[in-house]
């Protein structure tokens, strides 16, 4: 019988964050994704990825026995989210119990599910069913930082099976993503030692002992390829000459209360909403918000201007291409962007896991 080709199998595939990361890295292993959301499936297929629309928790592992080289999961995080009513927080012990049981080959999900306050909570334990049954060569997982204790549980079990495992928190901005998005990441391999991906960028780059220097964080202005932009003068609207000019999309060195307006991206309407200047990376794009909660606005003494963040801009700030074919309504498309792993971060994680070097030139998102 002819051997079946190796596969990358991705649970909770979404619109293609990991898949686009594989493209950046040049990883051509055949891949198939599993995803429940119809709009995310449509997006992934429009982008050229193979996706099966299904309930990941009900899909059998048997068809993949002996074929899975890489298993990827960015499962839902309700059990660790404080958004909404936070019912999933009460389910954390049940999720940990499900992981332990699945690792021992005991499927107690049905019984545990009846005790869950949020029926989505056990999805965070679902990857262990696949790990136990398939023992992939490489395992990758990504989620919000609060999931780190669960990933540490996964790591303990995987090490007992002979895997080399790294688990920790990564900041996407340290890998060229124009967004300070922090995520818990697990990398495991049973064929090579693994560690965290090497950062390529830093907020404040400095020479190391060998004279090497990381690149500075990618700003929103750079990522969105904005023009030099508004010229601000520290004397404001005064008729007399003087003051200092500087472009609003680069750091100011003499900004005073006399300055005119400059652009920022504001997240939400609260008085303490996170605000970032154009010369900075964006804050984390959050799925609990709508696109119109993210507003470009001017601050300072000049006339106030405001407009919502465009979907193409949100995509670029997540390191997708501006024309990634997101499907569904505007709100559904924004949720897909906000929930996805940034493709550029995914590429760096895949590189660390497989040993495939990152390309010398990274394709531009815009």
Foldseek 3Di string as FASTA:
>chain_A
DDDDAAEEEEEQCFQHQLVLLCVLLVPDGHYEYEHADPLRCVLNVVLPHHYDHDDLLPDDLVVCAPHYQEYEYAADDLLQDPPDVSQSVVLVVLLLVCLVCLLVVHHCLVVSCVVGPDNRNNRVSSVSNNCNRHVHQKYKYKYAQSCQVVVVSVVVSVVVVQKAKEWDKDQVQQLQQLERGIMIMMIIGNPDHFYAFDGQEDCDWDQDPVRDTHHHGQFLCNQVVPPLADWKFQQAPDPDDDGDIHRQQADDDDHDLNIEKHKWKFAADDPPTDIGGRVGRHYQLALVDFQQSIKIWIDHDYDIDIDTDDLLSLQSSLVAASPSPRDDDRSNSSNSSNSHRRSSSSNSSVCRNPVSDRDPDGDRRD
